[in-house]
Amino acid sequence: MILLENTRFSAKEEATTQKLAQFYAALGDIYCNDAFSAAHRAHASTEGAAHLLPSVRGG
């Protein structure tokens, strides 16, 4: 398990850059979104990484 600092503080996060999404995806084997309040945001750490890894929702 990897815990990242709040990714929303990065200016690149909102740009949903493919390079940043690939960096996040390289850190793990699956993507689990347990942040329901942020799930609607099209950011690199949410939408970007979810498209690059097998994804599940948290509960």
N, C-alpha and C. Protein backbone atom coordinates (compact mmCIF):
# COMPACT_ATOMS: atom_id res chain seq x y z
N MET A 1 0.85 -1.16 0.00
CA MET A 1 0.00 0.00 0.00
C MET A 1 0.90 1.23 0.00
N ILE A 2 0.49 2.20 -0.78
CA ILE A 2 1.22 3.47 -0.85
C ILE A 2 0.25 4.59 -0.47
N LEU A 3 0.69 5.45 0.39
CA LEU A 3 -0.10 6.61 0.79
C LEU A 3 0.59 7.85 0.24
N LEU A 4 -0.12 8.59 -0.58
CA LEU A 4 0.43 9.82 -1.17
C LEU A 4 -0.08 11.03 -0.42
N GLU A 5 0.70 12.09 -0.46
CA GLU A 5 0.23 13.36 0.07
C GLU A 5 -0.96 13.80 -0.78
N ASN A 6 -1.77 14.69 -0.28
CA ASN A 6 -2.96 15.14 -0.99
C ASN A 6 -2.58 15.61 -2.40
N THR A 7 -3.02 14.86 -3.40
CA THR A 7 -2.67 15.17 -4.79
C THR A 7 -3.37 16.40 -5.32
N ARG A 8 -4.39 16.87 -4.64
CA ARG A 8 -5.12 18.04 -5.12
C ARG A 8 -4.30 19.32 -5.02
N PHE A 9 -3.19 19.30 -4.32
CA PHE A 9 -2.34 20.48 -4.21
C PHE A 9 -1.43 20.65 -5.41
N SER A 10 -1.36 19.67 -6.29
CA SER A 10 -0.51 19.76 -7.47
C SER A 10 -1.27 20.43 -8.61
N ALA A 11 -0.65 21.41 -9.23
CA ALA A 11 -1.29 22.09 -10.37
C ALA A 11 -1.48 21.13 -11.55
N LYS A 12 -0.61 20.15 -11.68
CA LYS A 12 -0.71 19.18 -12.78
C LYS A 12 -1.89 18.24 -12.59
N GLU A 13 -2.35 18.07 -11.37
CA GLU A 13 -3.44 17.15 -11.07
C GLU A 13 -4.71 17.51 -11.84
N GLU A 14 -5.08 18.76 -11.86
CA GLU A 14 -6.31 19.18 -12.54
C GLU A 14 -6.18 19.15 -14.05
N ALA A 15 -4.97 19.19 -14.55
CA ALA A 15 -4.76 19.14 -16.00
C ALA A 15 -4.94 17.73 -16.54
N THR A 16 -5.06 16.74 -15.65
CA THR A 16 -5.20 15.34 -16.01
C THR A 16 -4.15 14.93 -17.05
N THR A 17 -2.92 15.28 -16.78
CA THR A 17 -1.86 14.97 -17.72
C THR A 17 -1.63 13.46 -17.77
N GLN A 18 -1.43 12.96 -18.97
CA GLN A 18 -1.19 11.53 -19.17
C GLN A 18 0.09 11.10 -18.46
N LYS A 19 1.09 11.94 -18.48
CA LYS A 19 2.37 11.61 -17.84
C LYS A 19 2.19 11.43 -16.33
N LEU A 20 1.44 12.31 -15.70
CA LEU A 20 1.19 12.19 -14.26
C LEU A 20 0.34 10.96 -13.96
N ALA A 21 -0.67 10.70 -14.77
CA ALA A 21 -1.50 9.51 -14.58
C ALA A 21 -0.66 8.24 -14.71
N GLN A 22 0.26 8.21 -15.66
CA GLN A 22 1.14 7.06 -15.82
C GLN A 22 2.06 6.89 -14.62
N PHE A 23 2.53 8.00 -14.05
CA PHE A 23 3.35 7.93 -12.84
C PHE A 23 2.56 7.30 -11.71
N TYR A 24 1.34 7.76 -11.48
CA TYR A 24 0.50 7.19 -10.42
C TYR A 24 0.24 5.71 -10.68
N ALA A 25 -0.06 5.36 -11.92
CA ALA A 25 -0.35 3.96 -12.26
C ALA A 25 0.86 3.07 -12.03
N ALA A 26 2.06 3.60 -12.25
CA ALA A 26 3.28 2.80 -12.06
C ALA A 26 3.52 2.45 -10.59
N LEU A 27 2.84 3.12 -9.68
CA LEU A 27 3.04 2.88 -8.25
C LEU A 27 2.27 1.66 -7.74
N GLY A 28 1.35 1.13 -8.53
CA GLY A 28 0.53 0.04 -8.01
C GLY A 28 0.11 -0.98 -9.05
N ASP A 29 -0.66 -1.95 -8.60
CA ASP A 29 -1.15 -3.02 -9.47
C ASP A 29 -2.64 -2.88 -9.78
N ILE A 30 -3.39 -2.28 -8.86
CA ILE A 30 -4.81 -2.02 -9.07
C ILE A 30 -5.12 -0.61 -8.57
N TYR A 31 -6.26 -0.08 -8.99
CA TYR A 31 -6.69 1.24 -8.54
C TYR A 31 -8.01 1.07 -7.81
N CYS A 32 -8.06 1.55 -6.58
CA CYS A 32 -9.29 1.52 -5.79
C CYS A 32 -9.63 2.96 -5.40
N ASN A 33 -10.76 3.44 -5.86
CA ASN A 33 -11.19 4.79 -5.51
C ASN A 33 -12.10 4.71 -4.29
N ASP A 34 -11.58 5.12 -3.16
CA ASP A 34 -12.35 5.12 -1.93
C ASP A 34 -12.73 6.55 -1.53
N ALA A 35 -12.51 7.49 -2.44
CA ALA A 35 -12.81 8.90 -2.17
C ALA A 35 -14.05 9.29 -2.97
N PHE A 36 -15.21 8.86 -2.49
CA PHE A 36 -16.45 9.09 -3.23
C PHE A 36 -16.68 10.58 -3.50
N SER A 37 -16.31 11.43 -2.56
CA SER A 37 -16.55 12.86 -2.75
C SER A 37 -15.72 13.47 -3.87
N ALA A 38 -14.65 12.79 -4.29
CA ALA A 38 -13.79 13.29 -5.37
C ALA A 38 -13.91 12.45 -6.64
N ALA A 39 -14.76 11.44 -6.63
CA ALA A 39 -14.86 10.50 -7.75
C ALA A 39 -15.31 11.16 -9.04
N HIS A 40 -16.03 12.25 -8.96
CA HIS A 40 -16.54 12.91 -10.15
C HIS A 40 -15.51 13.81 -10.83
N ARG A 41 -14.39 14.04 -10.18
CA ARG A 41 -13.37 14.92 -10.75
C ARG A 41 -12.52 14.19 -11.78
N ALA A 42 -12.33 14.79 -12.93
CA ALA A 42 -11.52 14.19 -13.99
C ALA A 42 -10.07 14.62 -13.81
N HIS A 43 -9.43 14.09 -12.77
CA HIS A 43 -8.04 14.43 -12.46
C HIS A 43 -7.14 13.23 -12.74
N ALA A 44 -5.83 13.49 -12.75
CA ALA A 44 -4.87 12.43 -13.04
C ALA A 44 -4.92 11.29 -12.03
N SER A 45 -5.12 11.61 -10.76
CA SER A 45 -5.11 10.57 -9.74
C SER A 45 -6.44 9.83 -9.64
N THR A 46 -7.48 10.34 -10.24
CA THR A 46 -8.76 9.64 -10.20
C THR A 46 -9.08 9.04 -11.56
N GLU A 47 -9.46 9.83 -12.51
CA GLU A 47 -9.83 9.31 -13.83
C GLU A 47 -8.63 8.77 -14.59
N GLY A 48 -7.52 9.50 -14.59
CA GLY A 48 -6.35 9.09 -15.36
C GLY A 48 -5.81 7.73 -14.96
N ALA A 49 -5.53 7.54 -13.68
CA ALA A 49 -4.99 6.27 -13.19
C ALA A 49 -6.00 5.14 -13.33
N ALA A 50 -7.27 5.45 -13.18
CA ALA A 50 -8.31 4.41 -13.28
C ALA A 50 -8.39 3.81 -14.68
N HIS A 51 -8.01 4.57 -15.68
CA HIS A 51 -8.02 4.06 -17.05
C HIS A 51 -6.79 3.22 -17.37
N LEU A 52 -5.78 3.30 -16.54
CA LEU A 52 -4.52 2.61 -16.82
C LEU A 52 -4.33 1.34 -16.00
N LEU A 53 -5.14 1.14 -14.97
CA LEU A 53 -5.03 -0.02 -14.10
C LEU A 53 -6.37 -0.72 -13.97
N PRO A 54 -6.37 -2.00 -13.61
CA PRO A 54 -7.64 -2.63 -13.23
C PRO A 54 -8.21 -1.82 -12.06
N SER A 55 -9.50 -1.48 -12.12
CA SER A 55 -10.08 -0.56 -11.14
C SER A 55 -11.26 -1.16 -10.42
N VAL A 56 -11.38 -0.80 -9.14
CA VAL A 56 -12.52 -1.18 -8.31
C VAL A 56 -12.94 0.03 -7.50
N ARG A 57 -14.14 -0.03 -6.98
CA ARG A 57 -14.60 1.06 -6.12
C ARG A 57 -14.42 0.66 -4.66
N GLY A 58 -14.19 1.65 -3.83
CA GLY A 58 -14.07 1.39 -2.41
C GLY A 58 -15.45 1.30 -1.77
N GLY A 59 -15.47 0.96 -0.53
CA GLY A 59 -16.77 0.81 0.09
C GLY A 59 -16.84 1.26 1.49
